[in-house]
C-alpha cells in the first residue's frame, strides 16, 4: 500500500509522494511542471498529475491511502518550491 499526503491552500492542492514512486510506476516523464519538487519529494498537482499516479497504481493493482493535512489559511509554502523536473 502506498501513502499519498494531501496538502492544500484555499485555491489548490497537491499530493506529496516520494520521487521514486514516479519512476516505479512509469510516470516520471509524464508529470507536468505544474507540480513541484523538494529533495526526495514531488508535490503532484491535484487535477492532472496526481491522477496519472493513481491510474498507474490501479493498473499495477496497488492500493493507496490518502493522508489529509489541514488546509492553510493563505498561500501554501509549496508554491515557493522548484517546479518539477525529471531527475537526470
PDB file of N, CA and C in Angstrom:
ATOM      1  N   UNK A   1       0.853  -1.178   0.000  1.00  0.00           N
ATOM      2  CA  UNK A   1       0.000   0.000   0.000  1.00  0.00           C
ATOM      3  C   UNK A   1       0.899   1.241   0.000  1.00  0.00           C
ATOM      4  N   UNK A   2       0.559   2.190  -0.863  1.00  0.00           N
ATOM      5  CA  UNK A   2       1.316   3.440  -0.960  1.00  0.00           C
ATOM      6  C   UNK A   2       0.589   4.542  -0.187  1.00  0.00           C
ATOM      7  N   UNK A   3       1.366   5.487   0.297  1.00  0.00           N
ATOM      8  CA  UNK A   3       0.811   6.612   1.050  1.00  0.00           C
ATOM      9  C   UNK A   3       0.933   7.886   0.212  1.00  0.00           C
ATOM     10  N   UNK A   4      -0.177   8.625   0.102  1.00  0.00           N
ATOM     11  CA  UNK A   4      -0.217   9.909  -0.583  1.00  0.00           C
ATOM     12  C   UNK A   4      -0.629  10.956   0.446  1.00  0.00           C
ATOM     13  N   UNK A   5       0.237  11.922   0.699  1.00  0.00           N
ATOM     14  CA  UNK A   5      -0.077  13.000   1.642  1.00  0.00           C
ATOM     15  C   UNK A   5      -0.669  14.162   0.868  1.00  0.00           C
ATOM     16  N   UNK A   6      -1.860  14.601   1.263  1.00  0.00           N
ATOM     17  CA  UNK A   6      -2.531  15.693   0.558  1.00  0.00           C
ATOM     18  C   UNK A   6      -2.404  16.994   1.336  1.00  0.00           C
ATOM     19  N   UNK A   7      -1.888  18.024   0.642  1.00  0.00           N
ATOM     20  CA  UNK A   7      -1.741  19.366   1.198  1.00  0.00           C
ATOM     21  C   UNK A   7      -2.517  20.327   0.312  1.00  0.00           C
ATOM     22  N   UNK A   8      -3.081  21.365   0.914  1.00  0.00           N
ATOM     23  CA  UNK A   8      -3.839  22.322   0.101  1.00  0.00           C
ATOM     24  C   UNK A   8      -3.816  23.711   0.723  1.00  0.00           C
ATOM     25  N   UNK A   9      -4.096  24.682  -0.148  1.00  0.00           N
ATOM     26  CA  UNK A   9      -4.373  26.030   0.311  1.00  0.00           C
ATOM     27  C   UNK A   9      -5.767  26.360  -0.211  1.00  0.00           C
ATOM     28  N   UNK A  10      -6.285  27.554   0.028  1.00  0.00           N
ATOM     29  CA  UNK A  10      -7.665  27.829  -0.403  1.00  0.00           C
ATOM     30  C   UNK A  10      -7.905  27.686  -1.909  1.00  0.00           C
ATOM     31  N   UNK A  11      -6.845  27.720  -2.716  1.00  0.00           N
ATOM     32  CA  UNK A  11      -7.030  27.681  -4.163  1.00  0.00           C
ATOM     33  C   UNK A  11      -6.668  26.363  -4.832  1.00  0.00           C
ATOM     34  N   UNK A  12      -5.823  25.546  -4.187  1.00  0.00           N
ATOM     35  CA  UNK A  12      -5.336  24.361  -4.894  1.00  0.00           C
ATOM     36  C   UNK A  12      -4.822  23.306  -3.931  1.00  0.00           C
ATOM     37  N   UNK A  13      -4.499  22.127  -4.480  1.00  0.00           N
ATOM     38  CA  UNK A  13      -3.993  21.036  -3.651  1.00  0.00           C
ATOM     39  C   UNK A  13      -2.943  20.221  -4.367  1.00  0.00           C
ATOM     40  N   UNK A  14      -2.132  19.510  -3.564  1.00  0.00           N
ATOM     41  CA  UNK A  14      -1.031  18.704  -4.071  1.00  0.00           C
ATOM     42  C   UNK A  14      -0.905  17.431  -3.259  1.00  0.00           C
ATOM     43  N   UNK A  15      -0.490  16.378  -3.918  1.00  0.00           N
ATOM     44  CA  UNK A  15      -0.207  15.110  -3.258  1.00  0.00           C
ATOM     45  C   UNK A  15       1.305  14.952  -3.164  1.00  0.00           C
ATOM     46  N   UNK A  16       1.816  14.854  -1.942  1.00  0.00           N
ATOM     47  CA  UNK A  16       3.256  14.665  -1.750  1.00  0.00           C
ATOM     48  C   UNK A  16       3.569  13.176  -1.821  1.00  0.00           C
ATOM     49  N   UNK A  17       4.507  12.828  -2.713  1.00  0.00           N
ATOM     50  CA  UNK A  17       4.938  11.441  -2.863  1.00  0.00           C
ATOM     51  C   UNK A  17       6.453  11.409  -3.014  1.00  0.00           C
ATOM     52  N   UNK A  18       7.030  10.267  -2.718  1.00  0.00           N
ATOM     53  CA  UNK A  18       8.455  10.100  -2.956  1.00  0.00           C
ATOM     54  C   UNK A  18       8.700  10.030  -4.462  1.00  0.00           C
ATOM     55  N   UNK A  19       9.748  10.700  -4.914  1.00  0.00           N
ATOM     56  CA  UNK A  19      10.081  10.722  -6.341  1.00  0.00           C
ATOM     57  C   UNK A  19      10.197   9.305  -6.904  1.00  0.00           C
ATOM     58  N   UNK A  20      10.707   8.392  -6.109  1.00  0.00           N
ATOM     59  CA  UNK A  20      10.906   7.015  -6.578  1.00  0.00           C
ATOM     60  C   UNK A  20       9.601   6.364  -7.034  1.00  0.00           C
ATOM     61  N   UNK A  21       8.455   6.805  -6.495  1.00  0.00           N
ATOM     62  CA  UNK A  21       7.173   6.237  -6.928  1.00  0.00           C
ATOM     63  C   UNK A  21       6.874   6.590  -8.382  1.00  0.00           C
ATOM     64  N   UNK A  22       7.273   7.780  -8.795  1.00  0.00           N
ATOM     65  CA  UNK A  22       7.030   8.194 -10.177  1.00  0.00           C
ATOM     66  C   UNK A  22       7.792   7.300 -11.145  1.00  0.00           C
ATOM     67  N   UNK A  23       9.007   6.941 -10.745  1.00  0.00           N
ATOM     68  CA  UNK A  23       9.822   6.037 -11.566  1.00  0.00           C
ATOM     69  C   UNK A  23       9.242   4.625 -11.506  1.00  0.00           C
ATOM     70  N   UNK A  24       8.929   4.179 -10.297  1.00  0.00           N
ATOM     71  CA  UNK A  24       8.409   2.830 -10.090  1.00  0.00           C
ATOM     72  C   UNK A  24       7.167   2.554 -10.937  1.00  0.00           C
ATOM     73  N   UNK A  25       6.286   3.551 -11.053  1.00  0.00           N
ATOM     74  CA  UNK A  25       5.036   3.362 -11.793  1.00  0.00           C
ATOM     75  C   UNK A  25       5.077   3.946 -13.205  1.00  0.00           C
ATOM     76  N   UNK A  26       6.280   4.334 -13.667  1.00  0.00           N
ATOM     77  CA  UNK A  26       6.476   4.726 -15.057  1.00  0.00           C
ATOM     78  C   UNK A  26       5.875   6.046 -15.486  1.00  0.00           C
ATOM     79  N   UNK A  27       5.728   6.987 -14.553  1.00  0.00           N
ATOM     80  CA  UNK A  27       5.121   8.262 -14.949  1.00  0.00           C
ATOM     81  C   UNK A  27       6.050   9.464 -14.773  1.00  0.00           C
ATOM     82  N   UNK A  28       7.295   9.246 -14.391  1.00  0.00           N
ATOM     83  CA  UNK A  28       8.217  10.362 -14.104  1.00  0.00           C
ATOM     84  C   UNK A  28       8.309  11.346 -15.259  1.00  0.00           C
ATOM     85  N   UNK A  29       8.278  10.864 -16.479  1.00  0.00           N
ATOM     86  CA  UNK A  29       8.415  11.742 -17.640  1.00  0.00           C
ATOM     87  C   UNK A  29       7.074  12.297 -18.119  1.00  0.00           C
ATOM     88  N   UNK A  30       5.992  11.901 -17.475  1.00  0.00           N
ATOM     89  CA  UNK A  30       4.660  12.373 -17.858  1.00  0.00           C
ATOM     90  C   UNK A  30       4.156  13.501 -16.961  1.00  0.00           C
ATOM     91  N   UNK A  31       4.793  13.688 -15.812  1.00  0.00           N
ATOM     92  CA  UNK A  31       4.362  14.709 -14.857  1.00  0.00           C
ATOM     93  C   UNK A  31       4.689  16.092 -15.415  1.00  0.00           C
ATOM     94  N   UNK A  32       3.759  17.016 -15.275  1.00  0.00           N
ATOM     95  CA  UNK A  32       3.923  18.363 -15.823  1.00  0.00           C
ATOM     96  C   UNK A  32       4.716  19.265 -14.876  1.00  0.00           C
ATOM     97  N   UNK A  33       5.065  20.427 -15.364  1.00  0.00           N
ATOM     98  CA  UNK A  33       5.742  21.395 -14.491  1.00  0.00           C
ATOM     99  C   UNK A  33       4.736  22.215 -13.692  1.00  0.00           C
ATOM    100  N   UNK A  34       3.493  21.741 -13.611  1.00  0.00           N
ATOM    101  CA  UNK A  34       2.504  22.334 -12.692  1.00  0.00           C
ATOM    102  C   UNK A  34       2.681  21.743 -11.300  1.00  0.00           C
ATOM    103  N   UNK A  35       3.497  20.691 -11.206  1.00  0.00           N
ATOM    104  CA  UNK A  35       3.824  20.085  -9.928  1.00  0.00           C
ATOM    105  C   UNK A  35       5.131  20.681  -9.425  1.00  0.00           C
ATOM    106  N   UNK A  36       5.431  20.414  -8.167  1.00  0.00           N
ATOM    107  CA  UNK A  36       6.624  20.988  -7.533  1.00  0.00           C
ATOM    108  C   UNK A  36       7.501  19.883  -6.969  1.00  0.00           C
ATOM    109  N   UNK A  37       8.720  20.258  -6.596  1.00  0.00           N
ATOM    110  CA  UNK A  37       9.642  19.286  -6.021  1.00  0.00           C
ATOM    111  C   UNK A  37      10.514  19.930  -4.959  1.00  0.00           C
ATOM    112  N   UNK A  38      10.912  19.094  -4.002  1.00  0.00           N
ATOM    113  CA  UNK A  38      11.882  19.487  -2.993  1.00  0.00           C
ATOM    114  C   UNK A  38      12.511  18.210  -2.449  1.00  0.00           C
ATOM    115  N   UNK A  39      13.816  18.103  -2.604  1.00  0.00           N
ATOM    116  CA  UNK A  39      14.523  16.926  -2.117  1.00  0.00           C
ATOM    117  C   UNK A  39      14.005  15.661  -2.774  1.00  0.00           C
ATOM    118  N   UNK A  40      13.676  14.679  -1.961  1.00  0.00           N
ATOM    119  CA  UNK A  40      13.222  13.393  -2.487  1.00  0.00           C
ATOM    120  C   UNK A  40      11.710  13.348  -2.721  1.00  0.00           C
ATOM    121  N   UNK A  41      11.038  14.485  -2.517  1.00  0.00           N
ATOM    122  CA  UNK A  41       9.580  14.521  -2.657  1.00  0.00           C
ATOM    123  C   UNK A  41       9.141  15.339  -3.862  1.00  0.00           C
ATOM    124  N   UNK A  42       8.036  14.888  -4.444  1.00  0.00           N
ATOM    125  CA  UNK A  42       7.360  15.620  -5.509  1.00  0.00           C
ATOM    126  C   UNK A  42       5.956  15.903  -5.011  1.00  0.00           C
ATOM    127  N   UNK A  43       5.475  17.106  -5.279  1.00  0.00           N
ATOM    128  CA  UNK A  43       4.137  17.539  -4.892  1.00  0.00           C
ATOM    129  C   UNK A  43       3.306  17.578  -6.167  1.00  0.00           C
ATOM    130  N   UNK A  44       2.564  16.505  -6.397  1.00  0.00           N
ATOM    131  CA  UNK A  44       1.801  16.352  -7.630  1.00  0.00           C
ATOM    132  C   UNK A  44       0.557  17.229  -7.622  1.00  0.00           C
ATOM    133  N   UNK A  45       0.408  18.007  -8.648  1.00  0.00           N
ATOM    134  CA  UNK A  45      -0.762  18.868  -8.822  1.00  0.00           C
ATOM    135  C   UNK A  45      -2.000  17.971  -8.848  1.00  0.00           C
ATOM    136  N   UNK A  46      -3.023  18.376  -8.107  1.00  0.00           N
ATOM    137  CA  UNK A  46      -4.177  17.510  -7.860  1.00  0.00           C
ATOM    138  C   UNK A  46      -5.033  17.171  -9.072  1.00  0.00           C
ATOM    139  N   UNK A  47      -5.086  18.046 -10.076  1.00  0.00           N
ATOM    140  CA  UNK A  47      -6.033  17.847 -11.173  1.00  0.00           C
ATOM    141  C   UNK A  47      -5.517  17.025 -12.348  1.00  0.00           C
ATOM    142  N   UNK A  48      -4.232  17.159 -12.680  1.00  0.00           N
ATOM    143  CA  UNK A  48      -3.751  16.405 -13.847  1.00  0.00           C
ATOM    144  C   UNK A  48      -2.631  15.435 -13.513  1.00  0.00           C
ATOM    145  N   UNK A  49      -1.742  15.772 -12.599  1.00  0.00           N
ATOM    146  CA  UNK A  49      -0.599  14.899 -12.336  1.00  0.00           C
ATOM    147  C   UNK A  49      -0.899  13.799 -11.323  1.00  0.00           C
ATOM    148  N   UNK A  50      -1.604  14.112 -10.258  1.00  0.00           N
ATOM    149  CA  UNK A  50      -1.943  13.078  -9.276  1.00  0.00           C
ATOM    150  C   UNK A  50      -2.771  11.949  -9.901  1.00  0.00           C
ATOM    151  N   UNK A  51      -3.743  12.258 -10.766  1.00  0.00           N
ATOM    152  CA  UNK A  51      -4.488  11.165 -11.399  1.00  0.00           C
ATOM    153  C   UNK A  51      -3.608  10.226 -12.236  1.00  0.00           C
ATOM    154  N   UNK A  52      -2.510  10.736 -12.796  1.00  0.00           N
ATOM    155  CA  UNK A  52      -1.581   9.870 -13.528  1.00  0.00           C
ATOM    156  C   UNK A  52      -1.041   8.777 -12.609  1.00  0.00           C
ATOM    157  N   UNK A  53      -0.646   9.183 -11.406  1.00  0.00           N
ATOM    158  CA  UNK A  53      -0.103   8.219 -10.452  1.00  0.00           C
ATOM    159  C   UNK A  53      -1.178   7.256  -9.970  1.00  0.00           C
ATOM    160  N   UNK A  54      -2.342   7.774  -9.670  1.00  0.00           N
ATOM    161  CA  UNK A  54      -3.429   6.917  -9.185  1.00  0.00           C
ATOM    162  C   UNK A  54      -3.797   5.870 -10.243  1.00  0.00           C
ATOM    163  N   UNK A  55      -3.878   6.278 -11.495  1.00  0.00           N
ATOM    164  CA  UNK A  55      -4.193   5.320 -12.576  1.00  0.00           C
ATOM    165  C   UNK A  55      -3.094   4.279 -12.726  1.00  0.00           C
ATOM    166  N   UNK A  56      -1.832   4.728 -12.654  1.00  0.00           N
ATOM    167  CA  UNK A  56      -0.703   3.794 -12.797  1.00  0.00           C
ATOM    168  C   UNK A  56      -0.698   2.782 -11.656  1.00  0.00           C
ATOM    169  N   UNK A  57      -0.996   3.234 -10.449  1.00  0.00           N
ATOM    170  CA  UNK A  57      -1.047   2.303  -9.319  1.00  0.00           C
ATOM    171  C   UNK A  57      -2.212   1.332  -9.474  1.00  0.00           C
ATOM    172  N   UNK A  58      -3.359   1.829  -9.923  1.00  0.00           N
ATOM    173  CA  UNK A  58      -4.513   0.962 -10.140  1.00  0.00           C
ATOM    174  C   UNK A  58      -4.193  -0.104 -11.196  1.00  0.00           C
ATOM    175  N   UNK A  59      -3.529   0.319 -12.268  1.00  0.00           N
ATOM    176  CA  UNK A  59      -3.148  -0.629 -13.319  1.00  0.00           C
ATOM    177  C   UNK A  59      -2.200  -1.704 -12.786  1.00  0.00           C
ATOM    178  N   UNK A  60      -1.398  -1.334 -11.784  1.00  0.00           N
ATOM    179  CA  UNK A  60      -0.451  -2.273 -11.179  1.00  0.00           C
ATOM    180  C   UNK A  60      -1.098  -3.070 -10.043  1.00  0.00           C
ATOM    181  N   UNK A  61      -2.368  -2.796  -9.749  1.00  0.00           N
ATOM    182  CA  UNK A  61      -3.069  -3.496  -8.679  1.00  0.00           C
ATOM    183  C   UNK A  61      -2.623  -3.084  -7.288  1.00  0.00           C
ATOM    184  N   UNK A  62      -2.147  -1.849  -7.171  1.00  0.00           N
ATOM    185  CA  UNK A  62      -1.622  -1.351  -5.894  1.00  0.00           C
ATOM    186  C   UNK A  62      -2.646  -0.438  -5.231  1.00  0.00           C
ATOM    187  N   UNK A  63      -2.919  -0.687  -3.966  1.00  0.00           N
ATOM    188  CA  UNK A  63      -3.807   0.172  -3.185  1.00  0.00           C
ATOM    189  C   UNK A  63      -3.021   1.353  -2.631  1.00  0.00           C
ATOM    190  N   UNK A  64      -3.746   2.399  -2.269  1.00  0.00           N
ATOM    191  CA  UNK A  64      -3.114   3.568  -1.665  1.00  0.00           C
ATOM    192  C   UNK A  64      -4.046   4.146  -0.619  1.00  0.00           C
ATOM    193  N   UNK A  65      -3.453   4.945   0.241  1.00  0.00           N
ATOM    194  CA  UNK A  65      -4.276   5.671   1.206  1.00  0.00           C
ATOM    195  C   UNK A  65      -3.846   7.125   1.175  1.00  0.00           C
ATOM    196  N   UNK A  66      -4.811   8.001   1.340  1.00  0.00           N
ATOM    197  CA  UNK A  66      -4.558   9.440   1.358  1.00  0.00           C
ATOM    198  C   UNK A  66      -4.584   9.918   2.801  1.00  0.00           C
ATOM    199  N   UNK A  67      -3.556  10.645   3.171  1.00  0.00           N
ATOM    200  CA  UNK A  67      -3.489  11.278   4.481  1.00  0.00           C
ATOM    201  C   UNK A  67      -3.696  12.775   4.246  1.00  0.00           C
ATOM    202  N   UNK A  68      -4.817  13.297   4.727  1.00  0.00           N
ATOM    203  CA  UNK A  68      -5.144  14.707   4.537  1.00  0.00           C
ATOM    204  C   UNK A  68      -4.506  15.557   5.627  1.00  0.00           C
ATOM    205  N   UNK A  69      -3.842  16.623   5.210  1.00  0.00           N
ATOM    206  CA  UNK A  69      -3.255  17.588   6.132  1.00  0.00           C
ATOM    207  C   UNK A  69      -4.119  18.841   6.110  1.00  0.00           C
ATOM    208  N   UNK A  70      -4.153  19.604   7.203  1.00  0.00           N
ATOM    209  CA  UNK A  70      -5.019  20.787   7.255  1.00  0.00           C
ATOM    210  C   UNK A  70      -4.716  21.786   6.133  1.00  0.00           C
ATOM    211  N   UNK A  71      -5.765  22.363   5.591  1.00  0.00           N
ATOM    212  CA  UNK A  71      -5.625  23.404   4.579  1.00  0.00           C
ATOM    213  C   UNK A  71      -5.033  24.655   5.211  1.00  0.00           C
ATOM    214  N   UNK A  72      -4.089  25.273   4.526  1.00  0.00           N
ATOM    215  CA  UNK A  72      -3.520  26.515   5.035  1.00  0.00           C
ATOM    216  C   UNK A  72      -4.523  27.646   4.861  1.00  0.00           C
ATOM    217  N   UNK A  73      -4.396  28.671   5.672  1.00  0.00           N
ATOM    218  CA  UNK A  73      -5.287  29.834   5.563  1.00  0.00           C
ATOM    219  C   UNK A  73      -4.900  30.721   4.389  1.00  0.00           C
ATOM    220  N   UNK A  74      -3.619  30.775   4.093  1.00  0.00           N
ATOM    221  CA  UNK A  74      -3.130  31.596   2.989  1.00  0.00           C
ATOM    222  C   UNK A  74      -2.471  30.718   1.944  1.00  0.00           C
ATOM    223  N   UNK A  75      -1.625  31.327   1.157  1.00  0.00           N
ATOM    224  CA  UNK A  75      -0.939  30.606   0.101  1.00  0.00           C
ATOM    225  C   UNK A  75       0.030  29.580   0.693  1.00  0.00           C
ATOM    226  N   UNK A  76       0.019  28.385   0.163  1.00  0.00           N
ATOM    227  CA  UNK A  76       0.869  27.298   0.660  1.00  0.00           C
ATOM    228  C   UNK A  76       2.338  27.544   0.337  1.00  0.00           C
ATOM    229  N   UNK A  77       3.203  27.089   1.234  1.00  0.00           N
ATOM    230  CA  UNK A  77       4.646  27.162   1.001  1.00  0.00           C
ATOM    231  C   UNK A  77       5.062  26.305  -0.197  1.00  0.00           C
ATOM    232  N   UNK A  78       4.228  25.387  -0.584  1.00  0.00           N
ATOM    233  CA  UNK A  78       4.529  24.531  -1.741  1.00  0.00           C
ATOM    234  C   UNK A  78       4.714  25.379  -2.995  1.00  0.00           C
ATOM    235  N   UNK A  79       3.971  26.456  -3.113  1.00  0.00           N
ATOM    236  CA  UNK A  79       4.050  27.319  -4.296  1.00  0.00           C
ATOM    237  C   UNK A  79       5.419  27.983  -4.464  1.00  0.00           C
ATOM    238  N   UNK A  80       6.208  28.022  -3.405  1.00  0.00           N
ATOM    239  CA  UNK A  80       7.539  28.637  -3.491  1.00  0.00           C
ATOM    240  C   UNK A  80       8.621  27.608  -3.844  1.00  0.00           C
ATOM    241  N   UNK A  81       8.238  26.362  -4.000  1.00  0.00           N
ATOM    242  CA  UNK A  81       9.210  25.311  -4.329  1.00  0.00           C
ATOM    243  C   UNK A  81       9.554  25.351  -5.814  1.00  0.00           C
ATOM    244  N   UNK A  82      10.593  24.613  -6.152  1.00  0.00           N
ATOM    245  CA  UNK A  82      11.029  24.487  -7.532  1.00  0.00           C
ATOM    246  C   UNK A  82       9.991  23.689  -8.315  1.00  0.00           C
ATOM    247  N   UNK A  83       9.746  24.104  -9.559  1.00  0.00           N
ATOM    248  CA  UNK A  83       8.847  23.350 -10.415  1.00  0.00           C
ATOM    249  C   UNK A  83       9.439  21.973 -10.701  1.00  0.00           C
ATOM    250  N   UNK A  84       8.565  20.999 -10.903  1.00  0.00           N
ATOM    251  CA  UNK A  84       9.009  19.633 -11.157  1.00  0.00           C
ATOM    252  C   UNK A  84       9.836  19.538 -12.424  1.00  0.00           C
ATOM    253  N   UNK A  85      10.887  18.753 -12.339  1.00  0.00           N
ATOM    254  CA  UNK A  85      11.703  18.392 -13.493  1.00  0.00           C
ATOM    255  C   UNK A  85      12.060  16.916 -13.347  1.00  0.00           C
ATOM    256  N   UNK A  86      12.142  16.235 -14.451  1.00  0.00           N
ATOM    257  CA  UNK A  86      12.549  14.838 -14.417  1.00  0.00           C
ATOM    258  C   UNK A  86      13.995  14.779 -13.935  1.00  0.00           C
ATOM    259  N   UNK A  87      14.264  13.912 -12.984  1.00  0.00           N
ATOM    260  CA  UNK A  87      15.633  13.766 -12.466  1.00  0.00           C
ATOM    261  C   UNK A  87      16.548  13.231 -13.565  1.00  0.00           C
ATOM    262  N   UNK A  88      17.736  13.757 -13.585  1.00  0.00           N
ATOM    263  CA  UNK A  88      18.713  13.327 -14.621  1.00  0.00           C
ATOM    264  C   UNK A  88      19.299  11.973 -14.287  1.00  0.00           C
TER     265      UNK A  88
END
